């Protein structure tokens, strides 16, 4: 009987769609989202997700602490938040090879861009990482399209840069809470997927103007 396709030593115990072969349970645990890109629907990944402990976040590690995000802000901007989360997920999903760390870099640079706008300057911070840069470009294009849709629907541009900044900072903090630290980890993307069915991901969340 052939051995595990990863270690080539131990007896295989399960099929791994990431390597398209049989692997042992030890390699599954060690190499999952480290050297193996695991499909979201892998049953062993789903089981691992259910038992993953969220990373411990120290107060000093919280990004953009000067940007206050209250529950009232989130309630007032729920349509924008839902759109931004869906757009971020689509931007990452449409970037082959993207993982949570690429999403993190894209969010960090986009936040810096909006902080610059708050200071009265127009300067876009672009990631050096091409995957993160692609996510950011797609996300920014989605925001532009959303603004145009709102303007056509209402006759005015009601999407404020300060609100977009707050929503982006909130998503950035969520990413830190859900990133499992694995090199090929996509736990944050998986978290976002739980809020958006496949048909919604394809066409984008509906436009809701409060």
N, C-alpha and C. Protein backbone atom coordinates (compact mmCIF):
# COMPACT_ATOMS: atom_id res chain seq x y z
N UNK A 1 0.85 -1.20 0.00
CA UNK A 1 0.00 0.00 0.00
C UNK A 1 0.88 1.25 0.00
N UNK A 2 0.56 2.19 -0.85
CA UNK A 2 1.36 3.42 -0.94
C UNK A 2 1.24 4.23 0.34
N UNK A 3 2.32 4.94 0.65
CA UNK A 3 2.31 5.77 1.85
C UNK A 3 1.66 7.12 1.61
N UNK A 4 1.66 7.90 2.66
CA UNK A 4 1.13 9.27 2.60
C UNK A 4 1.80 10.03 1.47
N UNK A 5 1.01 10.78 0.71
CA UNK A 5 1.55 11.49 -0.44
C UNK A 5 2.46 12.65 -0.04
N UNK A 6 2.36 13.08 1.22
CA UNK A 6 3.20 14.19 1.66
C UNK A 6 4.50 13.67 2.29
N UNK A 7 4.38 12.87 3.33
CA UNK A 7 5.59 12.39 4.02
C UNK A 7 6.17 11.12 3.40
N UNK A 8 5.33 10.41 2.62
CA UNK A 8 5.74 9.17 1.95
C UNK A 8 6.20 8.11 2.95
N UNK A 9 5.77 8.23 4.20
CA UNK A 9 6.22 7.29 5.23
C UNK A 9 5.04 6.62 5.93
N UNK A 10 4.17 7.45 6.52
CA UNK A 10 3.06 6.90 7.31
C UNK A 10 1.91 6.43 6.41
N UNK A 11 1.08 5.60 7.01
CA UNK A 11 -0.07 5.06 6.30
C UNK A 11 -1.10 6.18 6.07
N UNK A 12 -1.58 6.34 4.86
CA UNK A 12 -2.58 7.37 4.60
C UNK A 12 -3.91 7.04 5.26
N UNK A 13 -4.59 8.08 5.74
CA UNK A 13 -5.86 7.89 6.46
C UNK A 13 -7.02 8.64 5.83
N UNK A 14 -6.72 9.59 4.97
CA UNK A 14 -7.80 10.41 4.40
C UNK A 14 -7.38 10.97 3.06
N UNK A 15 -8.39 11.30 2.24
CA UNK A 15 -8.11 11.91 0.94
C UNK A 15 -7.96 13.41 1.12
N UNK A 16 -6.91 13.97 0.53
CA UNK A 16 -6.66 15.41 0.60
C UNK A 16 -6.90 16.03 -0.76
N UNK A 17 -7.95 16.85 -0.92
CA UNK A 17 -8.18 17.50 -2.21
C UNK A 17 -7.11 18.53 -2.55
N UNK A 18 -6.37 18.99 -1.53
CA UNK A 18 -5.32 19.97 -1.78
C UNK A 18 -4.13 19.40 -2.55
N UNK A 19 -3.85 18.11 -2.32
CA UNK A 19 -2.75 17.45 -3.05
C UNK A 19 -3.29 16.39 -4.00
N UNK A 20 -4.63 16.22 -3.98
CA UNK A 20 -5.30 15.24 -4.83
C UNK A 20 -4.74 13.83 -4.60
N UNK A 21 -4.63 13.50 -3.32
CA UNK A 21 -4.11 12.17 -2.98
C UNK A 21 -4.38 11.84 -1.53
N UNK A 22 -4.03 10.61 -1.15
CA UNK A 22 -4.23 10.14 0.21
C UNK A 22 -3.07 10.59 1.11
N UNK A 23 -3.40 11.08 2.30
CA UNK A 23 -2.37 11.53 3.23
C UNK A 23 -2.69 10.99 4.62
N UNK A 24 -1.69 11.08 5.50
CA UNK A 24 -1.90 10.65 6.88
C UNK A 24 -2.50 11.81 7.69
N UNK A 25 -3.08 11.50 8.82
CA UNK A 25 -3.73 12.52 9.64
C UNK A 25 -2.72 13.51 10.22
N UNK A 26 -1.50 13.04 10.51
CA UNK A 26 -0.48 13.93 11.07
C UNK A 26 -0.08 15.00 10.05
N UNK A 27 0.14 14.60 8.81
CA UNK A 27 0.48 15.58 7.77
C UNK A 27 -0.68 16.53 7.51
N UNK A 28 -1.89 16.00 7.61
CA UNK A 28 -3.07 16.85 7.42
C UNK A 28 -3.05 17.98 8.44
N UNK A 29 -2.78 17.63 9.71
CA UNK A 29 -2.76 18.64 10.75
C UNK A 29 -1.59 19.61 10.64
N UNK A 30 -0.42 19.07 10.26
CA UNK A 30 0.79 19.91 10.19
C UNK A 30 0.83 20.80 8.96
N UNK A 31 0.43 20.25 7.82
CA UNK A 31 0.62 20.94 6.54
C UNK A 31 -0.61 21.70 6.05
N UNK A 32 -1.75 21.52 6.74
CA UNK A 32 -2.97 22.20 6.35
C UNK A 32 -2.76 23.72 6.34
N UNK A 33 -2.97 24.35 5.20
CA UNK A 33 -2.84 25.79 5.01
C UNK A 33 -1.43 26.31 5.35
N UNK A 34 -0.46 25.38 5.35
CA UNK A 34 0.94 25.77 5.51
C UNK A 34 1.67 25.51 4.21
N UNK A 35 1.73 24.24 3.80
CA UNK A 35 2.28 23.91 2.48
C UNK A 35 1.19 23.47 1.51
N UNK A 36 0.01 23.20 2.05
CA UNK A 36 -1.11 22.75 1.23
C UNK A 36 -2.17 23.85 1.18
N UNK A 37 -2.62 24.17 -0.03
CA UNK A 37 -3.73 25.11 -0.19
C UNK A 37 -5.02 24.31 -0.12
N UNK A 38 -5.73 24.46 0.97
CA UNK A 38 -6.91 23.63 1.22
C UNK A 38 -8.17 24.28 0.64
N UNK A 39 -8.94 23.53 -0.13
CA UNK A 39 -10.22 24.05 -0.62
C UNK A 39 -11.14 24.36 0.56
N UNK A 40 -11.96 25.40 0.41
CA UNK A 40 -12.84 25.80 1.50
C UNK A 40 -13.78 24.68 1.94
N UNK A 41 -14.18 23.83 0.99
CA UNK A 41 -15.18 22.81 1.32
C UNK A 41 -14.58 21.49 1.77
N UNK A 42 -13.28 21.43 1.98
CA UNK A 42 -12.66 20.19 2.48
C UNK A 42 -13.25 19.87 3.85
N UNK A 43 -13.79 18.67 4.04
CA UNK A 43 -14.42 18.34 5.34
C UNK A 43 -13.43 18.38 6.51
N UNK A 44 -12.17 18.04 6.25
CA UNK A 44 -11.18 18.06 7.33
C UNK A 44 -10.82 19.50 7.70
N UNK A 45 -10.81 20.39 6.70
CA UNK A 45 -10.60 21.81 7.00
C UNK A 45 -11.78 22.36 7.79
N UNK A 46 -13.00 21.99 7.41
CA UNK A 46 -14.19 22.47 8.10
C UNK A 46 -14.17 22.01 9.56
N UNK A 47 -13.74 20.76 9.77
CA UNK A 47 -13.65 20.25 11.13
C UNK A 47 -12.59 21.01 11.92
N UNK A 48 -11.46 21.30 11.28
CA UNK A 48 -10.40 22.05 11.96
C UNK A 48 -10.86 23.46 12.29
N UNK A 49 -11.58 24.09 11.38
CA UNK A 49 -12.10 25.45 11.62
C UNK A 49 -12.95 25.48 12.89
N UNK A 50 -13.75 24.44 13.08
CA UNK A 50 -14.67 24.41 14.22
C UNK A 50 -13.92 24.37 15.55
N UNK A 51 -12.67 23.93 15.54
CA UNK A 51 -11.90 23.81 16.78
C UNK A 51 -10.73 24.78 16.86
N UNK A 52 -10.58 25.64 15.86
CA UNK A 52 -9.49 26.62 15.89
C UNK A 52 -9.73 27.66 16.97
N UNK A 53 -8.70 27.95 17.71
CA UNK A 53 -8.79 29.01 18.71
C UNK A 53 -8.37 30.32 18.07
N UNK A 54 -9.15 31.39 18.25
CA UNK A 54 -8.77 32.67 17.66
C UNK A 54 -7.46 33.16 18.26
N UNK A 55 -6.67 33.89 17.48
CA UNK A 55 -5.39 34.39 18.00
C UNK A 55 -5.61 35.38 19.13
N UNK A 56 -4.66 35.41 20.05
CA UNK A 56 -4.73 36.37 21.16
C UNK A 56 -4.25 37.73 20.66
N UNK A 57 -5.13 38.71 20.77
CA UNK A 57 -4.82 40.06 20.28
C UNK A 57 -4.52 40.96 21.46
N UNK A 58 -3.30 41.49 21.50
CA UNK A 58 -2.94 42.43 22.55
C UNK A 58 -3.46 43.82 22.19
N UNK A 59 -3.81 44.62 23.17
CA UNK A 59 -4.34 45.96 22.87
C UNK A 59 -3.42 46.79 21.97
N UNK A 60 -2.11 46.61 22.15
CA UNK A 60 -1.17 47.40 21.33
C UNK A 60 -1.12 46.91 19.88
N UNK A 61 -1.68 45.72 19.62
CA UNK A 61 -1.68 45.19 18.26
C UNK A 61 -2.92 45.61 17.46
N UNK A 62 -3.88 46.25 18.12
CA UNK A 62 -5.08 46.69 17.42
C UNK A 62 -4.72 47.84 16.49
N UNK A 63 -4.98 47.71 15.19
CA UNK A 63 -4.57 48.77 14.26
C UNK A 63 -5.50 49.98 14.31
N UNK A 64 -4.91 51.13 14.01
CA UNK A 64 -5.67 52.38 13.88
C UNK A 64 -6.54 52.64 15.11
N UNK A 65 -5.91 52.58 16.28
CA UNK A 65 -6.67 52.78 17.52
C UNK A 65 -7.29 54.17 17.61
N UNK A 66 -6.77 55.12 16.84
CA UNK A 66 -7.32 56.46 16.87
C UNK A 66 -8.64 56.57 16.11
N UNK A 67 -8.97 55.53 15.34
CA UNK A 67 -10.25 55.51 14.63
C UNK A 67 -11.25 54.77 15.49
N UNK A 68 -12.21 55.47 16.03
CA UNK A 68 -13.18 54.88 16.96
C UNK A 68 -14.33 54.25 16.18
N UNK A 69 -14.59 52.98 16.46
CA UNK A 69 -15.67 52.25 15.81
C UNK A 69 -16.68 51.86 16.88
N UNK A 70 -17.81 52.53 16.92
CA UNK A 70 -18.84 52.24 17.91
C UNK A 70 -19.92 51.34 17.31
N UNK A 71 -20.71 50.73 18.18
CA UNK A 71 -21.84 49.93 17.71
C UNK A 71 -22.82 50.80 16.92
N UNK A 72 -22.98 52.04 17.34
CA UNK A 72 -23.88 52.94 16.63
C UNK A 72 -23.37 53.21 15.22
N UNK A 73 -22.06 53.39 15.08
CA UNK A 73 -21.48 53.59 13.75
C UNK A 73 -21.76 52.39 12.85
N UNK A 74 -21.59 51.19 13.39
CA UNK A 74 -21.82 49.99 12.59
C UNK A 74 -23.29 49.86 12.20
N UNK A 75 -24.19 50.20 13.12
CA UNK A 75 -25.62 50.15 12.78
C UNK A 75 -25.96 51.18 11.71
N UNK A 76 -25.42 52.38 11.85
CA UNK A 76 -25.72 53.44 10.90
C UNK A 76 -25.16 53.14 9.52
N UNK A 77 -24.07 52.39 9.47
CA UNK A 77 -23.39 52.12 8.20
C UNK A 77 -23.46 50.65 7.80
N UNK A 78 -24.48 49.96 8.27
CA UNK A 78 -24.59 48.52 7.97
C UNK A 78 -24.62 48.23 6.46
N UNK A 79 -25.39 48.99 5.63
CA UNK A 79 -25.36 48.69 4.19
C UNK A 79 -23.97 48.84 3.59
N UNK A 80 -23.25 49.89 4.00
CA UNK A 80 -21.89 50.09 3.50
C UNK A 80 -20.96 48.99 3.96
N UNK A 81 -21.10 48.56 5.21
CA UNK A 81 -20.27 47.48 5.74
C UNK A 81 -20.53 46.18 4.99
N UNK A 82 -21.80 45.87 4.76
CA UNK A 82 -22.14 44.64 4.04
C UNK A 82 -21.57 44.68 2.63
N UNK A 83 -21.69 45.83 1.99
CA UNK A 83 -21.13 45.94 0.63
C UNK A 83 -19.61 45.77 0.66
N UNK A 84 -18.95 46.46 1.59
CA UNK A 84 -17.49 46.43 1.65
C UNK A 84 -16.98 45.02 1.93
N UNK A 85 -17.64 44.29 2.84
CA UNK A 85 -17.22 42.93 3.14
C UNK A 85 -17.37 42.03 1.92
N UNK A 86 -18.49 42.17 1.21
CA UNK A 86 -18.70 41.37 0.01
C UNK A 86 -17.71 41.72 -1.08
N UNK A 87 -17.44 43.02 -1.25
CA UNK A 87 -16.48 43.45 -2.26
C UNK A 87 -15.07 42.97 -1.94
N UNK A 88 -14.72 42.99 -0.66
CA UNK A 88 -13.40 42.51 -0.25
C UNK A 88 -13.27 41.02 -0.53
N UNK A 89 -14.31 40.27 -0.21
CA UNK A 89 -14.28 38.84 -0.45
C UNK A 89 -14.16 38.54 -1.94
N UNK A 90 -14.94 39.22 -2.77
CA UNK A 90 -14.86 38.99 -4.21
C UNK A 90 -13.48 39.37 -4.74
N UNK A 91 -12.94 40.48 -4.25
CA UNK A 91 -11.63 40.93 -4.71
C UNK A 91 -10.56 39.89 -4.41
N UNK A 92 -10.64 39.28 -3.21
CA UNK A 92 -9.68 38.25 -2.85
C UNK A 92 -9.93 36.96 -3.63
N UNK A 93 -11.21 36.59 -3.77
CA UNK A 93 -11.55 35.35 -4.46
C UNK A 93 -11.16 35.40 -5.94
N UNK A 94 -11.19 36.60 -6.51
CA UNK A 94 -10.85 36.77 -7.93
C UNK A 94 -9.36 37.02 -8.15
N UNK A 95 -8.58 36.89 -7.08
CA UNK A 95 -7.12 37.03 -7.16
C UNK A 95 -6.50 35.66 -6.91
N UNK A 96 -6.15 34.93 -7.96
CA UNK A 96 -5.62 33.57 -7.79
C UNK A 96 -4.41 33.54 -6.84
N UNK A 97 -4.46 32.62 -5.89
CA UNK A 97 -3.36 32.47 -4.96
C UNK A 97 -3.43 33.36 -3.73
N UNK A 98 -4.43 34.22 -3.64
CA UNK A 98 -4.51 35.15 -2.52
C UNK A 98 -4.86 34.42 -1.23
N UNK A 99 -4.23 34.84 -0.14
CA UNK A 99 -4.49 34.30 1.19
C UNK A 99 -4.77 35.47 2.13
N UNK A 100 -5.05 35.15 3.40
CA UNK A 100 -5.42 36.20 4.34
C UNK A 100 -4.34 37.27 4.49
N UNK A 101 -3.08 36.89 4.45
CA UNK A 101 -2.01 37.89 4.61
C UNK A 101 -2.03 38.90 3.47
N UNK A 102 -2.42 38.47 2.27
CA UNK A 102 -2.55 39.41 1.15
C UNK A 102 -3.72 40.36 1.39
N UNK A 103 -4.81 39.82 1.92
CA UNK A 103 -5.97 40.66 2.26
C UNK A 103 -5.58 41.67 3.32
N UNK A 104 -4.80 41.22 4.30
CA UNK A 104 -4.36 42.13 5.37
C UNK A 104 -3.56 43.29 4.80
N UNK A 105 -2.63 42.99 3.90
CA UNK A 105 -1.81 44.05 3.31
C UNK A 105 -2.66 45.00 2.46
N UNK A 106 -3.60 44.44 1.71
CA UNK A 106 -4.47 45.28 0.89
C UNK A 106 -5.31 46.21 1.76
N UNK A 107 -5.85 45.69 2.86
CA UNK A 107 -6.64 46.52 3.76
C UNK A 107 -5.79 47.61 4.41
N UNK A 108 -4.58 47.25 4.84
CA UNK A 108 -3.71 48.22 5.50
C UNK A 108 -3.39 49.39 4.57
N UNK A 109 -3.09 49.09 3.31
CA UNK A 109 -2.75 50.14 2.36
C UNK A 109 -3.98 50.98 2.00
N UNK A 110 -5.14 50.34 1.90
CA UNK A 110 -6.36 51.09 1.59
C UNK A 110 -6.73 52.01 2.74
N UNK A 111 -6.56 51.53 3.96
CA UNK A 111 -6.81 52.38 5.13
C UNK A 111 -5.88 53.59 5.11
N UNK A 112 -4.60 53.37 4.81
CA UNK A 112 -3.66 54.48 4.76
C UNK A 112 -4.06 55.49 3.68
N UNK A 113 -4.58 55.00 2.57
CA UNK A 113 -5.04 55.89 1.51
C UNK A 113 -6.16 56.79 2.01
N UNK A 114 -7.12 56.22 2.74
CA UNK A 114 -8.25 57.02 3.23
C UNK A 114 -7.83 57.93 4.38
N UNK A 115 -6.84 57.52 5.16
CA UNK A 115 -6.32 58.42 6.18
C UNK A 115 -5.66 59.64 5.54
N UNK A 116 -5.00 59.40 4.40
CA UNK A 116 -4.40 60.53 3.67
C UNK A 116 -5.47 61.47 3.17
N UNK A 117 -6.58 60.91 2.67
CA UNK A 117 -7.69 61.75 2.21
C UNK A 117 -8.25 62.59 3.36
N UNK A 118 -8.30 61.99 4.56
CA UNK A 118 -8.79 62.72 5.72
C UNK A 118 -7.93 63.95 6.01
N UNK A 119 -6.65 63.86 5.68
CA UNK A 119 -5.74 64.98 5.94
C UNK A 119 -5.79 66.03 4.83
N UNK A 120 -6.59 65.77 3.80
CA UNK A 120 -6.73 66.74 2.72
C UNK A 120 -5.86 66.46 1.51
N UNK A 121 -5.08 65.38 1.54
CA UNK A 121 -4.23 65.02 0.42
C UNK A 121 -4.84 63.88 -0.37
N UNK A 122 -4.47 63.78 -1.63
CA UNK A 122 -4.92 62.68 -2.47
C UNK A 122 -3.69 61.88 -2.86
N UNK A 123 -3.48 60.76 -2.17
CA UNK A 123 -2.33 59.92 -2.45
C UNK A 123 -2.70 58.48 -2.12
N UNK A 124 -2.58 57.60 -3.08
CA UNK A 124 -2.95 56.21 -2.88
C UNK A 124 -1.72 55.39 -2.52
N UNK A 125 -1.79 54.73 -1.37
CA UNK A 125 -0.73 53.82 -0.96
C UNK A 125 -0.96 52.47 -1.63
N UNK A 126 0.01 52.00 -2.39
CA UNK A 126 -0.13 50.75 -3.12
C UNK A 126 0.78 49.68 -2.52
N UNK A 127 0.28 48.46 -2.34
CA UNK A 127 1.12 47.39 -1.81
C UNK A 127 2.20 46.99 -2.82
N UNK A 128 3.36 46.61 -2.31
CA UNK A 128 4.41 46.08 -3.19
C UNK A 128 4.08 44.66 -3.63
N UNK A 129 3.36 43.94 -2.79
CA UNK A 129 2.93 42.58 -3.07
C UNK A 129 1.88 42.61 -4.20
N UNK A 130 2.13 41.98 -5.34
CA UNK A 130 1.19 42.06 -6.47
C UNK A 130 -0.19 41.48 -6.16
N UNK A 131 -0.26 40.44 -5.31
CA UNK A 131 -1.56 39.88 -4.97
C UNK A 131 -2.38 40.89 -4.14
N UNK A 132 -1.73 41.48 -3.16
CA UNK A 132 -2.40 42.50 -2.35
C UNK A 132 -2.77 43.70 -3.20
N UNK A 133 -1.90 44.07 -4.13
CA UNK A 133 -2.18 45.22 -5.00
C UNK A 133 -3.41 44.96 -5.86
N UNK A 134 -3.55 43.73 -6.33
CA UNK A 134 -4.72 43.39 -7.15
C UNK A 134 -6.00 43.43 -6.32
N UNK A 135 -5.93 42.92 -5.10
CA UNK A 135 -7.09 42.98 -4.21
C UNK A 135 -7.49 44.42 -3.95
N UNK A 136 -6.50 45.26 -3.66
CA UNK A 136 -6.78 46.66 -3.39
C UNK A 136 -7.40 47.36 -4.60
N UNK A 137 -6.85 47.12 -5.78
CA UNK A 137 -7.37 47.77 -6.98
C UNK A 137 -8.82 47.36 -7.24
N UNK A 138 -9.12 46.08 -7.06
CA UNK A 138 -10.49 45.61 -7.26
C UNK A 138 -11.42 46.20 -6.21
N UNK A 139 -10.95 46.28 -4.98
CA UNK A 139 -11.77 46.83 -3.90
C UNK A 139 -12.08 48.30 -4.15
N UNK A 140 -11.06 49.07 -4.53
CA UNK A 140 -11.27 50.49 -4.81
C UNK A 140 -12.22 50.70 -5.98
N UNK A 141 -12.10 49.85 -7.00
CA UNK A 141 -13.01 49.95 -8.15
C UNK A 141 -14.45 49.64 -7.71
N UNK A 142 -14.61 48.70 -6.81
CA UNK A 142 -15.94 48.36 -6.30
C UNK A 142 -16.54 49.52 -5.53
N UNK A 143 -15.73 50.19 -4.70
CA UNK A 143 -16.21 51.36 -3.97
C UNK A 143 -16.65 52.47 -4.95
N UNK A 144 -15.86 52.67 -5.99
CA UNK A 144 -16.20 53.70 -6.96
C UNK A 144 -17.54 53.39 -7.64
N UNK A 145 -17.72 52.14 -8.01
CA UNK A 145 -18.98 51.75 -8.64
C UNK A 145 -20.14 51.90 -7.67
N UNK A 146 -19.92 51.55 -6.42
CA UNK A 146 -20.97 51.67 -5.41
C UNK A 146 -21.38 53.13 -5.22
N UNK A 147 -20.38 54.01 -5.15
CA UNK A 147 -20.69 55.43 -5.02
C UNK A 147 -21.54 55.91 -6.19
N UNK A 148 -21.19 55.49 -7.40
CA UNK A 148 -21.95 55.89 -8.58
C UNK A 148 -23.37 55.36 -8.54
N UNK A 149 -23.55 54.13 -8.08
CA UNK A 149 -24.88 53.56 -7.96
C UNK A 149 -25.72 54.35 -6.97
N UNK A 150 -25.14 54.68 -5.83
CA UNK A 150 -25.85 55.45 -4.82
C UNK A 150 -26.22 56.82 -5.36
N UNK A 151 -25.28 57.47 -6.06
CA UNK A 151 -25.55 58.80 -6.62
C UNK A 151 -26.67 58.74 -7.65
N UNK A 152 -26.68 57.70 -8.48
CA UNK A 152 -27.76 57.57 -9.47
C UNK A 152 -29.10 57.31 -8.79
N UNK A 153 -29.07 56.52 -7.71
CA UNK A 153 -30.30 56.16 -7.02
C UNK A 153 -30.88 57.33 -6.23
N UNK A 154 -30.02 58.11 -5.60
CA UNK A 154 -30.49 59.15 -4.69
C UNK A 154 -30.34 60.56 -5.26
N UNK A 155 -29.51 60.71 -6.28
CA UNK A 155 -29.28 62.04 -6.84
C UNK A 155 -28.16 62.79 -6.16
N UNK A 156 -27.62 62.23 -5.07
CA UNK A 156 -26.50 62.87 -4.36
C UNK A 156 -25.51 61.78 -3.95
N UNK A 157 -24.28 62.19 -3.70
CA UNK A 157 -23.26 61.27 -3.22
C UNK A 157 -23.29 61.25 -1.70
N UNK A 158 -23.90 60.23 -1.13
CA UNK A 158 -24.07 60.16 0.32
C UNK A 158 -23.01 59.30 1.00
N UNK A 159 -22.06 58.75 0.22
CA UNK A 159 -21.01 57.91 0.80
C UNK A 159 -19.83 58.78 1.18
N UNK A 160 -19.62 58.94 2.46
CA UNK A 160 -18.54 59.80 2.94
C UNK A 160 -17.25 59.00 3.09
N UNK A 161 -16.12 59.66 2.78
CA UNK A 161 -14.82 59.00 2.93
C UNK A 161 -14.59 58.56 4.38
N UNK A 162 -15.05 59.36 5.32
CA UNK A 162 -14.83 59.02 6.73
C UNK A 162 -15.57 57.75 7.12
N UNK A 163 -16.73 57.51 6.50
CA UNK A 163 -17.47 56.28 6.78
C UNK A 163 -16.80 55.08 6.13
N UNK A 164 -16.30 55.26 4.91
CA UNK A 164 -15.56 54.18 4.25
C UNK A 164 -14.33 53.83 5.08
N UNK A 165 -13.64 54.84 5.60
CA UNK A 165 -12.47 54.59 6.44
C UNK A 165 -12.85 53.77 7.66
N UNK A 166 -13.92 54.14 8.34
CA UNK A 166 -14.34 53.41 9.53
C UNK A 166 -14.67 51.96 9.22
N UNK A 167 -15.35 51.73 8.12
CA UNK A 167 -15.71 50.36 7.72
C UNK A 167 -14.44 49.56 7.41
N UNK A 168 -13.49 50.16 6.71
CA UNK A 168 -12.24 49.47 6.38
C UNK A 168 -11.44 49.13 7.63
N UNK A 169 -11.40 50.05 8.58
CA UNK A 169 -10.69 49.79 9.83
C UNK A 169 -11.35 48.64 10.58
N UNK A 170 -12.68 48.61 10.58
CA UNK A 170 -13.39 47.52 11.24
C UNK A 170 -13.06 46.18 10.59
N UNK A 171 -13.05 46.14 9.26
CA UNK A 171 -12.71 44.91 8.55
C UNK A 171 -11.27 44.51 8.82
N UNK A 172 -10.39 45.49 8.93
CA UNK A 172 -8.98 45.21 9.22
C UNK A 172 -8.86 44.55 10.59
N UNK A 173 -9.62 45.03 11.56
CA UNK A 173 -9.57 44.43 12.89
C UNK A 173 -10.17 43.02 12.88
N UNK A 174 -11.22 42.83 12.10
CA UNK A 174 -11.79 41.49 11.96
C UNK A 174 -10.78 40.52 11.36
N UNK A 175 -10.02 40.99 10.38
CA UNK A 175 -9.03 40.13 9.74
C UNK A 175 -8.00 39.66 10.76
N UNK A 176 -7.56 40.55 11.61
CA UNK A 176 -6.57 40.19 12.62
C UNK A 176 -7.15 39.16 13.59
N UNK A 177 -8.43 39.29 13.91
CA UNK A 177 -9.07 38.37 14.84
C UNK A 177 -9.24 36.97 14.24
N UNK A 178 -9.36 36.88 12.91
CA UNK A 178 -9.68 35.60 12.29
C UNK A 178 -8.51 34.99 11.52
N UNK A 179 -7.43 35.71 11.33
CA UNK A 179 -6.26 35.16 10.65
C UNK A 179 -5.62 34.10 11.56
N UNK A 180 -5.52 32.87 11.07
CA UNK A 180 -4.99 31.80 11.92
C UNK A 180 -3.47 31.69 11.90
N UNK A 181 -2.81 32.58 11.16
CA UNK A 181 -1.35 32.63 11.18
C UNK A 181 -0.67 31.61 10.29
N UNK A 182 -1.43 30.78 9.59
CA UNK A 182 -0.81 29.80 8.69
C UNK A 182 -0.46 30.47 7.36
N UNK A 183 0.64 30.03 6.77
CA UNK A 183 1.20 30.72 5.60
C UNK A 183 0.21 30.78 4.44
N UNK A 184 -0.58 29.74 4.26
CA UNK A 184 -1.59 29.73 3.21
C UNK A 184 -3.00 29.82 3.80
N UNK A 185 -3.08 30.38 5.00
CA UNK A 185 -4.36 30.45 5.70
C UNK A 185 -5.36 31.37 5.01
N UNK A 186 -6.62 30.94 5.00
CA UNK A 186 -7.71 31.75 4.45
C UNK A 186 -8.90 31.72 5.40
N UNK A 187 -8.60 31.70 6.70
CA UNK A 187 -9.67 31.63 7.70
C UNK A 187 -10.53 32.89 7.68
N UNK A 188 -9.91 34.05 7.46
CA UNK A 188 -10.70 35.29 7.40
C UNK A 188 -11.59 35.29 6.16
N UNK A 189 -11.05 34.88 5.03
CA UNK A 189 -11.86 34.78 3.82
C UNK A 189 -13.01 33.80 4.05
N UNK A 190 -12.72 32.71 4.74
CA UNK A 190 -13.75 31.72 5.06
C UNK A 190 -14.81 32.33 5.96
N UNK A 191 -14.38 33.15 6.91
CA UNK A 191 -15.31 33.85 7.79
C UNK A 191 -16.25 34.74 6.97
N UNK A 192 -15.70 35.49 6.02
CA UNK A 192 -16.54 36.34 5.18
C UNK A 192 -17.49 35.51 4.33
N UNK A 193 -17.02 34.36 3.85
CA UNK A 193 -17.86 33.50 3.02
C UNK A 193 -19.11 33.04 3.75
N UNK A 194 -19.02 32.91 5.07
CA UNK A 194 -20.17 32.43 5.84
C UNK A 194 -21.33 33.42 5.81
N UNK A 195 -21.05 34.68 5.41
CA UNK A 195 -22.10 35.68 5.35
C UNK A 195 -22.63 35.91 3.95
N UNK A 196 -21.98 35.30 2.95
CA UNK A 196 -22.35 35.55 1.57
C UNK A 196 -22.51 34.25 0.80
N UNK A 197 -23.73 33.87 0.42
CA UNK A 197 -23.92 32.67 -0.41
C UNK A 197 -23.20 32.82 -1.74
N UNK A 198 -22.99 31.70 -2.42
CA UNK A 198 -22.25 31.72 -3.68
C UNK A 198 -22.88 32.63 -4.72
N UNK A 199 -24.22 32.64 -4.85
CA UNK A 199 -24.84 33.48 -5.86
C UNK A 199 -24.66 34.96 -5.55
N UNK A 200 -24.60 35.29 -4.23
CA UNK A 200 -24.37 36.68 -3.85
C UNK A 200 -22.94 37.08 -4.14
N UNK A 201 -21.99 36.16 -3.93
CA UNK A 201 -20.59 36.48 -4.20
C UNK A 201 -20.38 36.78 -5.67
N UNK A 202 -21.13 36.11 -6.53
CA UNK A 202 -20.92 36.28 -7.96
C UNK A 202 -21.40 37.62 -8.45
N UNK A 203 -22.55 38.09 -7.91
CA UNK A 203 -23.13 39.31 -8.45
C UNK A 203 -22.94 40.50 -7.54
N UNK A 204 -22.46 40.26 -6.32
CA UNK A 204 -22.27 41.34 -5.40
C UNK A 204 -23.51 41.53 -4.54
N UNK A 205 -23.37 42.04 -3.33
CA UNK A 205 -24.51 42.25 -2.46
C UNK A 205 -25.45 43.29 -3.03
N UNK A 206 -26.75 43.21 -2.74
CA UNK A 206 -27.69 44.17 -3.29
C UNK A 206 -27.39 45.56 -2.78
N UNK A 207 -27.71 46.55 -3.58
CA UNK A 207 -27.52 47.93 -3.19
C UNK A 207 -28.63 48.32 -2.21
N UNK A 208 -28.25 48.70 -1.01
CA UNK A 208 -29.22 49.10 0.00
C UNK A 208 -28.83 50.50 0.43
N UNK A 209 -29.73 51.42 0.29
CA UNK A 209 -29.47 52.80 0.68
C UNK A 209 -30.37 53.15 1.84
N UNK A 210 -29.78 53.43 3.00
CA UNK A 210 -30.58 53.74 4.15
C UNK A 210 -31.03 55.19 4.14
